[in-house]
């Protein structure tokens, strides 16, 4: 698990960390250049090589893998003296970051690694620690020293600090650390139990619950749009790359950071209120990428449905609640009482079924339909699991004990912020492949 804390480095430490990020960016670009040169040298014809377009690399030179480029760092320090000022493992993680992107590119077939411009490297990682670097309100970072921090929540007993990522936000004026903690504890899956609800996300109402309650949507960016427009106009009138231009850009970045923090705080509070209402939550598996490119993309990006669903799934796992995403297709076009298809445009906000006469708000009917689909999907999952256990030879009573648990009280947990042994567990997310997108022919 990851814990985020605010740190307060002094002027020298802040300048040193900015210099480390710039050096890591240059190492990343150099490793990418070496990788692209090796690939381009293999694109020429079999009997001749281009002398003016591609680098000529001998055929017996192996691929510049992560371990090969990592082992070249000590030799590179002899000619590139700035690398000696940076922690060795920070440089290794910069190369690891490149090869993780390269492996992801080979897996999905698009998204070739790009060169990083000045200021695009906003973090670096200390991958391991021999001892706990946090002592009270101070964290000891190698080669940087003791840095004051705001210990907003204590690390639970039994957890060890594995790595620390240093983040720069608001153009290097605010600093954060992301502490990764780990504990070897068995975390059981959460069964379906208690009160169940379904939620529907929208722009008129941020979230509508199947029981009739709803949450209004705060307009985070629109409320600050006038101030943001003023600051951006002032920044555009400054001389590019001048001192006044940099100060104006910092004001713009701080306002964007404030809007993002306000939005995330609202998402956390809404998710906790939903967990207070029920122990089993079903939500729509929205195609957030498509929504962010549609006609209402500005409002959808401001609402940030993708971030909210991720945070809701995380909070449910921490509080021992069951969470599942269901297919969102046709939830607002189907009557939850009789199952009839009721076609209505987006501007029509009331649901009125001509078959059974059921009438309610459009989002409320969609939330009820999400609840019905979630219960049906969970029942099918339990049935398929029971058939699998039957095929494996489990007795009847053992199959029922494994497929339909009565309660999860007293299970041991590895949830952060609470003592071990409390009533919380982790939900294993199901695969979303092929759920919201049409299969390619």
Protein backbone atom coordinates (compact mmCIF):
# COMPACT_ATOMS: atom_id res chain seq x y z
CA UNK A 1 0.00 0.00 0.00
CA UNK A 2 1.04 3.59 -0.59
CA UNK A 3 0.87 6.44 1.91
CA UNK A 4 1.32 10.03 0.70
CA UNK A 5 2.85 12.70 2.95
CA UNK A 6 3.78 16.34 2.50
CA UNK A 7 7.47 17.17 3.06
CA UNK A 8 9.12 20.55 3.60
CA UNK A 9 12.71 20.59 2.29
CA UNK A 10 14.86 23.69 2.66
CA UNK A 11 16.13 25.71 -0.29
CA UNK A 12 19.31 23.66 -0.79
CA UNK A 13 17.48 20.33 -0.58
CA UNK A 14 14.81 21.52 -3.00
CA UNK A 15 17.44 22.63 -5.52
CA UNK A 16 19.28 19.33 -5.11
CA UNK A 17 16.13 17.28 -5.76
CA UNK A 18 15.30 19.36 -8.84
CA UNK A 19 18.83 18.72 -10.11
CA UNK A 20 18.40 14.98 -9.53
CA UNK A 21 15.20 14.98 -11.56
CA UNK A 22 16.92 16.78 -14.43
CA UNK A 23 19.83 14.34 -14.36
CA UNK A 24 17.43 11.38 -14.28
CA UNK A 25 15.65 12.84 -17.29
CA UNK A 26 18.92 13.05 -19.23
CA UNK A 27 19.79 9.45 -18.31
CA UNK A 28 16.34 8.36 -19.45
CA UNK A 29 16.72 10.14 -22.79
CA UNK A 30 20.23 8.75 -23.32
CA UNK A 31 19.03 5.19 -22.69
CA UNK A 32 16.09 5.74 -25.06
CA UNK A 33 18.42 7.10 -27.73
CA UNK A 34 20.57 3.99 -27.45
CA UNK A 35 17.51 1.75 -27.70
CA UNK A 36 16.14 3.58 -30.76
CA UNK A 37 19.53 3.51 -32.50
CA UNK A 38 19.75 -0.24 -32.04
CA UNK A 39 16.23 -0.69 -33.45
CA UNK A 40 16.85 1.63 -36.42
CA UNK A 41 20.08 -0.17 -37.29
CA UNK A 42 18.05 -3.35 -37.79
CA UNK A 43 15.64 -1.70 -40.25
CA UNK A 44 18.07 -1.36 -43.17
CA UNK A 45 18.24 -3.71 -46.14
CA UNK A 46 19.96 -7.04 -45.76
CA UNK A 47 22.84 -6.26 -48.16
CA UNK A 48 23.48 -2.57 -47.44
CA UNK A 49 23.18 0.06 -44.71
CA UNK A 50 22.24 3.71 -44.96
CA UNK A 51 25.10 6.12 -44.29
CA UNK A 52 23.11 9.30 -43.83
CA UNK A 53 19.90 8.23 -42.08
CA UNK A 54 20.62 5.43 -39.61
CA UNK A 55 23.42 4.64 -37.21
CA UNK A 56 25.53 1.66 -38.19
CA UNK A 57 25.72 -0.81 -35.30
CA UNK A 58 27.44 -4.21 -35.78
CA UNK A 59 25.13 -7.19 -36.03
CA UNK A 60 26.69 -8.93 -33.03
CA UNK A 61 25.86 -6.08 -30.62
CA UNK A 62 23.10 -7.36 -28.26
CA UNK A 63 19.90 -5.53 -27.46
CA UNK A 64 20.38 -2.73 -24.87
CA UNK A 65 18.38 -4.38 -22.10
CA UNK A 66 17.80 -2.98 -18.63
CA UNK A 67 20.61 -4.94 -17.00
CA UNK A 68 23.06 -4.03 -19.76
CA UNK A 69 22.30 -0.31 -19.55
CA UNK A 70 22.33 -0.47 -15.76
CA UNK A 71 25.81 -2.02 -15.75
CA UNK A 72 27.04 0.76 -18.07
CA UNK A 73 26.25 3.45 -15.48
CA UNK A 74 29.53 3.09 -13.48
CA UNK A 75 31.56 3.49 -16.70
CA UNK A 76 29.44 6.46 -17.74
CA UNK A 77 30.20 8.27 -14.48
CA UNK A 78 33.85 8.61 -15.50
CA UNK A 79 32.95 10.90 -18.40
CA UNK A 80 29.68 12.28 -17.03
CA UNK A 81 30.66 13.63 -13.63
CA UNK A 82 27.16 14.94 -12.75
CA UNK A 83 26.02 11.35 -12.26
CA UNK A 84 28.22 11.04 -9.17
CA UNK A 85 26.05 13.55 -7.30
CA UNK A 86 22.92 11.41 -7.75
CA UNK A 87 22.17 8.27 -5.75
CA UNK A 88 23.06 5.22 -7.85
CA UNK A 89 19.72 3.47 -7.34
CA UNK A 90 17.82 6.60 -8.39
CA UNK A 91 19.57 6.42 -11.78
CA UNK A 92 18.80 2.71 -12.05
CA UNK A 93 15.11 3.33 -11.45
CA UNK A 94 15.14 5.94 -14.24
CA UNK A 95 16.33 3.25 -16.66
CA UNK A 96 13.83 0.79 -15.18
CA UNK A 97 11.10 3.33 -15.92
CA UNK A 98 12.10 3.34 -19.59
CA UNK A 99 12.08 -0.44 -19.91
CA UNK A 100 8.74 -0.73 -18.13
CA UNK A 101 7.32 1.59 -20.79
CA UNK A 102 9.03 -0.47 -23.49
CA UNK A 103 7.51 -3.72 -22.19
CA UNK A 104 4.08 -2.10 -21.99
CA UNK A 105 4.49 -0.91 -25.59
CA UNK A 106 5.27 -4.42 -26.80
CA UNK A 107 2.28 -5.82 -24.93
CA UNK A 108 -0.38 -3.38 -26.18
CA UNK A 109 1.16 -2.55 -29.59
CA UNK A 110 1.14 1.25 -29.29
CA UNK A 111 2.64 3.96 -27.10
CA UNK A 112 6.33 3.90 -28.05
CA UNK A 113 8.50 5.59 -25.35
CA UNK A 114 9.08 9.28 -25.99
CA UNK A 115 11.89 11.63 -25.09
CA UNK A 116 11.22 13.70 -21.97
CA UNK A 117 11.36 17.48 -22.29
CA UNK A 118 12.69 19.83 -19.64
CA UNK A 119 10.49 19.65 -16.55
CA UNK A 120 8.61 16.47 -17.53
CA UNK A 121 10.44 14.33 -14.97
CA UNK A 122 8.58 15.10 -11.76
CA UNK A 123 9.60 12.22 -9.49
CA UNK A 124 12.40 9.87 -8.57
CA UNK A 125 12.45 6.71 -6.47
CA UNK A 126 14.55 5.25 -3.67
CA UNK A 127 13.80 1.55 -4.30
CA UNK A 128 14.96 0.10 -0.99
CA UNK A 129 16.00 0.93 2.57
CA UNK A 130 17.99 -1.07 5.10
CA UNK A 131 16.16 0.48 8.04
CA UNK A 132 13.02 2.54 8.52
CA UNK A 133 13.83 6.06 7.22
CA UNK A 134 10.94 7.70 9.10
CA UNK A 135 11.65 8.82 12.65
CA UNK A 136 8.87 10.92 14.10
CA UNK A 137 8.22 13.89 11.80
CA UNK A 138 11.55 13.49 9.99
CA UNK A 139 12.43 11.30 7.01
CA UNK A 140 16.06 10.54 6.16
CA UNK A 141 16.61 10.45 2.39
CA UNK A 142 20.01 9.15 1.18
CA UNK A 143 22.40 11.91 0.03
CA UNK A 144 19.70 14.52 0.75
CA UNK A 145 19.53 14.37 4.53
CA UNK A 146 16.78 14.80 7.07
CA UNK A 147 13.64 16.40 5.65
CA UNK A 148 10.69 17.54 7.82
CA UNK A 149 7.40 15.90 6.93
CA UNK A 150 3.76 16.07 7.94
CA UNK A 151 2.99 12.64 9.40
CA UNK A 152 -0.75 12.87 8.77
CA UNK A 153 -1.25 9.19 9.68
CA UNK A 154 1.06 6.72 11.36
CA UNK A 155 2.34 3.61 9.66
CA UNK A 156 0.57 0.56 11.19
CA UNK A 157 2.49 -1.94 13.27
CA UNK A 158 3.85 -4.87 11.34
CA UNK A 159 4.41 -2.92 8.11
CA UNK A 160 7.85 -2.25 6.63
CA UNK A 161 8.86 0.64 4.36
CA UNK A 162 9.86 -0.82 0.99
CA UNK A 163 10.45 2.25 -1.17
CA UNK A 164 9.93 6.01 -1.23
CA UNK A 165 8.99 8.08 -4.26
CA UNK A 166 9.66 11.85 -4.13
CA UNK A 167 7.11 13.95 -6.05
CA UNK A 168 7.38 17.54 -7.22
CA UNK A 169 4.12 19.45 -7.73
CA UNK A 170 3.20 23.02 -8.63
CA UNK A 171 6.44 23.49 -10.60
CA UNK A 172 8.74 22.44 -7.77
CA UNK A 173 7.17 24.59 -5.05
CA UNK A 174 5.41 21.74 -3.23
CA UNK A 175 6.97 18.38 -2.40
CA UNK A 176 5.40 15.05 -1.47
CA UNK A 177 6.60 11.53 -0.77
CA UNK A 178 4.76 8.30 -1.55
CA UNK A 179 5.83 5.65 0.97
CA UNK A 180 5.21 2.03 -0.09
CA UNK A 181 4.62 -0.22 2.91
CA UNK A 182 4.23 -3.98 2.98
CA UNK A 183 3.22 -6.68 5.44
CA UNK A 184 3.10 -10.44 4.97
CA UNK A 185 -0.50 -10.95 6.11
CA UNK A 186 -3.19 -13.14 4.58
CA UNK A 187 -6.03 -10.97 3.28
CA UNK A 188 -9.29 -12.85 2.54
CA UNK A 189 -11.75 -11.95 -0.17
CA UNK A 190 -14.90 -10.06 0.75
CA UNK A 191 -18.19 -11.93 0.24
CA UNK A 192 -21.52 -10.33 -0.59
CA UNK A 193 -23.24 -9.54 2.70
CA UNK A 194 -25.29 -6.86 4.42
CA UNK A 195 -27.17 -4.07 2.70
CA UNK A 196 -26.69 -3.74 -1.08
CA UNK A 197 -26.93 -0.59 -3.19
CA UNK A 198 -26.30 0.40 -6.78
CA UNK A 199 -24.99 3.80 -7.88
CA UNK A 200 -25.34 5.70 -11.13
CA UNK A 201 -22.85 8.44 -12.01
CA UNK A 202 -23.91 11.50 -13.99
CA UNK A 203 -23.43 15.20 -14.60
CA UNK A 204 -26.79 16.47 -13.30
CA UNK A 205 -26.22 14.54 -10.07
CA UNK A 206 -22.76 13.24 -9.35
CA UNK A 207 -24.00 9.96 -7.87
CA UNK A 208 -27.53 8.64 -7.48
CA UNK A 209 -28.08 5.71 -5.12
CA UNK A 210 -30.70 3.02 -5.68
CA UNK A 211 -32.40 3.91 -2.36
CA UNK A 212 -33.30 7.37 -3.71
CA UNK A 213 -30.52 9.47 -2.16
CA UNK A 214 -28.07 11.35 -4.33
CA UNK A 215 -24.96 13.56 -4.21
CA UNK A 216 -24.83 16.90 -5.99
CA UNK A 217 -21.92 17.50 -8.37
CA UNK A 218 -19.59 20.32 -7.31
CA UNK A 219 -18.16 22.17 -10.30
CA UNK A 220 -14.54 22.22 -9.19
CA UNK A 221 -12.95 23.79 -12.27
CA UNK A 222 -15.87 26.00 -13.27
CA UNK A 223 -15.94 27.65 -9.85
CA UNK A 224 -12.29 28.65 -10.30
CA UNK A 225 -12.48 29.32 -14.03
CA UNK A 226 -12.64 33.10 -13.72
CA UNK A 227 -9.54 33.23 -11.51
CA UNK A 228 -7.72 30.72 -13.69
CA UNK A 229 -8.46 32.75 -16.82
CA UNK A 230 -7.08 35.87 -15.17
CA UNK A 231 -3.85 34.16 -14.07
CA UNK A 232 -3.31 32.59 -17.48
CA UNK A 233 -3.81 35.94 -19.22
CA UNK A 234 -1.22 37.54 -16.93
CA UNK A 235 1.22 34.70 -17.57
CA UNK A 236 0.80 34.98 -21.35
CA UNK A 237 1.80 38.66 -21.27
CA UNK A 238 5.13 37.99 -19.54
CA UNK A 239 8.39 37.54 -21.42
CA UNK A 240 8.88 33.85 -22.08
CA UNK A 241 11.31 32.16 -19.65
CA UNK A 242 11.78 35.35 -17.65
CA UNK A 243 11.59 35.52 -13.85
CA UNK A 244 8.16 37.15 -13.87
CA UNK A 245 6.94 34.53 -16.36
CA UNK A 246 8.08 31.75 -14.03
CA UNK A 247 6.31 33.36 -11.06
CA UNK A 248 3.09 33.65 -13.07
CA UNK A 249 3.33 30.00 -14.15
CA UNK A 250 3.74 28.95 -10.52
CA UNK A 251 0.50 30.73 -9.60
CA UNK A 252 -1.34 28.93 -12.40
CA UNK A 253 0.12 25.56 -11.34
CA UNK A 254 -0.86 26.12 -7.71
CA UNK A 255 -4.44 26.87 -8.68
CA UNK A 256 -4.63 23.69 -10.76
CA UNK A 257 -3.18 21.78 -7.81
CA UNK A 258 -5.80 23.28 -5.50
CA UNK A 259 -8.63 22.24 -7.85
CA UNK A 260 -7.25 18.69 -8.06
CA UNK A 261 -6.97 18.43 -4.27
CA UNK A 262 -10.54 19.72 -3.81
CA UNK A 263 -11.88 17.17 -6.29
CA UNK A 264 -10.00 14.29 -4.68
CA UNK A 265 -11.17 15.29 -1.21
CA UNK A 266 -14.79 15.24 -2.42
CA UNK A 267 -14.28 11.79 -3.97
CA UNK A 268 -12.87 10.39 -0.74
CA UNK A 269 -15.70 11.78 1.40
CA UNK A 270 -18.37 10.57 -1.02
CA UNK A 271 -16.86 7.08 -1.13
CA UNK A 272 -16.79 6.89 2.68
CA UNK A 273 -20.43 7.99 2.89
CA UNK A 274 -21.41 5.25 0.44
CA UNK A 275 -19.55 2.68 2.55
CA UNK A 276 -21.43 3.96 5.59
CA UNK A 277 -24.74 3.26 3.85
CA UNK A 278 -24.12 -0.31 2.67
CA UNK A 279 -21.71 -3.25 2.79
CA UNK A 280 -22.17 -4.26 -0.88
CA UNK A 281 -21.84 -1.65 -3.64
CA UNK A 282 -22.39 -2.06 -7.37
CA UNK A 283 -21.28 0.62 -9.84
CA UNK A 284 -21.26 1.10 -13.59
CA UNK A 285 -18.16 0.04 -15.47
CA UNK A 286 -17.98 3.28 -17.44
CA UNK A 287 -15.76 3.86 -20.45
CA UNK A 288 -14.18 6.97 -18.94
CA UNK A 289 -11.72 7.39 -21.82
CA UNK A 290 -14.59 7.68 -24.28
CA UNK A 291 -16.49 10.08 -22.01
CA UNK A 292 -13.43 12.34 -21.75
CA UNK A 293 -13.38 12.61 -25.54
CA UNK A 294 -17.08 13.18 -26.11
CA UNK A 295 -19.27 16.25 -26.44
CA UNK A 296 -19.40 16.80 -22.66
CA UNK A 297 -15.71 16.11 -22.15
CA UNK A 298 -15.01 19.26 -20.11
CA UNK A 299 -17.65 18.41 -17.52
CA UNK A 300 -16.70 14.71 -17.50
CA UNK A 301 -13.03 15.54 -16.92
CA UNK A 302 -14.00 17.96 -14.15
CA UNK A 303 -16.13 15.27 -12.48
CA UNK A 304 -13.37 12.64 -12.97
CA UNK A 305 -15.51 9.51 -12.84
CA UNK A 306 -12.51 7.23 -13.40
CA UNK A 307 -10.69 8.54 -10.33
CA UNK A 308 -13.82 8.22 -8.21
CA UNK A 309 -14.45 4.59 -9.21
CA UNK A 310 -10.83 3.69 -8.45
CA UNK A 311 -10.97 5.39 -5.06
CA UNK A 312 -14.32 3.80 -4.26
CA UNK A 313 -12.94 0.34 -5.04
CA UNK A 314 -9.91 1.04 -2.84
CA UNK A 315 -11.96 2.35 0.10
CA UNK A 316 -14.34 -0.60 -0.11
CA UNK A 317 -11.37 -2.95 0.13
CA UNK A 318 -10.07 -1.06 3.17
CA UNK A 319 -13.42 -1.03 4.96
CA UNK A 320 -14.41 -4.61 4.24
CA UNK A 321 -17.15 -3.81 1.74
CA UNK A 322 -17.85 -5.77 -1.44
CA UNK A 323 -17.47 -3.79 -4.68
CA UNK A 324 -18.27 -4.87 -8.23
CA UNK A 325 -18.58 -3.10 -11.59
CA UNK A 326 -21.41 -4.04 -13.94
CA UNK A 327 -22.16 -3.46 -17.60
CA UNK A 328 -23.57 0.09 -18.03
CA UNK A 329 -25.17 -0.46 -21.45
CA UNK A 330 -28.88 0.37 -21.39
CA UNK A 331 -29.25 0.98 -17.66
CA UNK A 332 -31.15 4.22 -18.26
CA UNK A 333 -33.22 2.71 -21.10
CA UNK A 334 -34.61 -0.24 -19.11
CA UNK A 335 -37.39 -0.25 -16.53
CA UNK A 336 -36.11 -1.74 -13.24
CA UNK A 337 -39.62 -2.98 -12.28
CA UNK A 338 -40.78 -4.85 -15.37
CA UNK A 339 -37.61 -4.99 -17.51
CA UNK A 340 -39.25 -3.28 -20.52
CA UNK A 341 -37.13 -1.14 -22.82
CA UNK A 342 -38.08 2.54 -22.48
CA UNK A 343 -36.28 4.66 -25.05
CA UNK A 344 -35.73 8.28 -24.06
CA UNK A 345 -33.27 11.00 -25.13
CA UNK A 346 -30.61 12.40 -22.86
CA UNK A 347 -32.61 15.60 -22.29
CA UNK A 348 -35.52 13.65 -20.77
CA UNK A 349 -34.73 13.37 -17.06
CA UNK A 350 -37.81 11.43 -15.90
CA UNK A 351 -38.42 7.73 -16.32
CA UNK A 352 -42.01 6.75 -17.06
CA UNK A 353 -42.67 3.14 -18.08
CA UNK A 354 -45.71 2.70 -20.36
CA UNK A 355 -45.89 -1.02 -19.48
CA UNK A 356 -46.14 -0.97 -15.69
CA UNK A 357 -46.56 2.75 -15.04
CA UNK A 358 -43.46 3.06 -12.84
CA UNK A 359 -42.30 6.69 -12.66
CA UNK A 360 -39.15 8.09 -11.05
CA UNK A 361 -36.04 10.11 -11.83
CA UNK A 362 -33.98 8.82 -14.72
CA UNK A 363 -30.79 8.43 -12.66
CA UNK A 364 -32.67 6.67 -9.85
CA UNK A 365 -34.07 4.12 -12.30
CA UNK A 366 -30.56 3.57 -13.70
CA UNK A 367 -29.19 3.03 -10.19
CA UNK A 368 -31.89 0.45 -9.48
CA UNK A 369 -31.02 -1.29 -12.74
CA UNK A 370 -27.33 -1.33 -11.75
CA UNK A 371 -28.30 -3.00 -8.47
CA UNK A 372 -30.33 -5.69 -10.25
CA UNK A 373 -27.54 -6.41 -12.72
CA UNK A 374 -24.97 -6.55 -9.94
CA UNK A 375 -26.98 -9.04 -7.92
CA UNK A 376 -27.56 -11.16 -11.02
CA UNK A 377 -23.88 -11.07 -11.96
CA UNK A 378 -22.78 -11.94 -8.42
CA UNK A 379 -25.28 -14.82 -8.28
CA UNK A 380 -23.95 -16.22 -11.56
CA UNK A 381 -20.39 -15.92 -10.26
CA UNK A 382 -21.28 -17.82 -7.07
CA UNK A 383 -23.08 -20.51 -9.10
CA UNK A 384 -20.14 -20.98 -11.47
CA UNK A 385 -17.75 -21.18 -8.52
CA UNK A 386 -19.94 -23.85 -6.90
CA UNK A 387 -19.98 -25.91 -10.11
CA UNK A 388 -16.17 -25.64 -10.28
CA UNK A 389 -15.81 -26.90 -6.70
CA UNK A 390 -18.26 -29.70 -7.46
CA UNK A 391 -16.14 -30.79 -10.42
CA UNK A 392 -13.07 -30.74 -8.16
CA UNK A 393 -14.74 -33.24 -5.81
CA UNK A 394 -15.57 -31.08 -2.79
CA UNK A 395 -18.44 -32.32 -0.60
CA UNK A 396 -21.78 -30.53 -0.71
CA UNK A 397 -21.43 -28.85 2.67
CA UNK A 398 -17.86 -27.74 1.90
CA UNK A 399 -18.91 -26.28 -1.43
CA UNK A 400 -21.58 -24.16 0.25
CA UNK A 401 -19.15 -22.97 2.89
CA UNK A 402 -16.76 -21.84 0.20
CA UNK A 403 -19.23 -20.19 -2.17
CA UNK A 404 -21.67 -18.48 0.18
CA UNK A 405 -19.83 -17.23 3.29
CA UNK A 406 -22.12 -16.04 6.07
CA UNK A 407 -20.04 -13.13 7.35
CA UNK A 408 -16.49 -11.83 7.36
CA UNK A 409 -16.33 -10.75 10.97
CA UNK A 410 -13.02 -11.39 12.72
CA UNK A 411 -10.95 -12.03 9.60
CA UNK A 412 -7.33 -10.98 9.74
CA UNK A 413 -6.49 -8.04 7.52
CA UNK A 414 -3.62 -5.99 6.20
CA UNK A 415 -5.56 -2.77 5.89
CA UNK A 416 -3.64 0.42 6.58
CA UNK A 417 -4.63 2.82 9.28
CA UNK A 418 -6.16 0.12 11.52
CA UNK A 419 -4.80 -2.50 13.82
CA UNK A 420 -4.33 -6.04 12.47
CA UNK A 421 -7.29 -8.30 13.17
CA UNK A 422 -10.03 -5.75 12.42
CA UNK A 423 -12.97 -6.35 10.09
CA UNK A 424 -11.56 -5.31 6.73
CA UNK A 425 -10.45 -7.19 3.68
CA UNK A 426 -9.43 -6.83 0.07
CA UNK A 427 -11.62 -7.24 -2.97
CA UNK A 428 -10.06 -8.94 -5.97
CA UNK A 429 -11.14 -6.99 -9.04
CA UNK A 430 -12.52 -8.91 -11.98
CA UNK A 431 -11.30 -8.61 -15.52
CA UNK A 432 -12.88 -5.79 -17.51
CA UNK A 433 -11.67 -6.99 -20.90
CA UNK A 434 -14.46 -7.07 -23.45
CA UNK A 435 -17.11 -5.71 -21.06
CA UNK A 436 -17.59 -2.20 -22.38
CA UNK A 437 -16.05 -2.35 -25.82
CA UNK A 438 -17.18 -4.24 -28.87
CA UNK A 439 -14.93 -7.04 -30.03
CA UNK A 440 -12.97 -6.39 -33.16
CA UNK A 441 -13.93 -8.49 -36.18
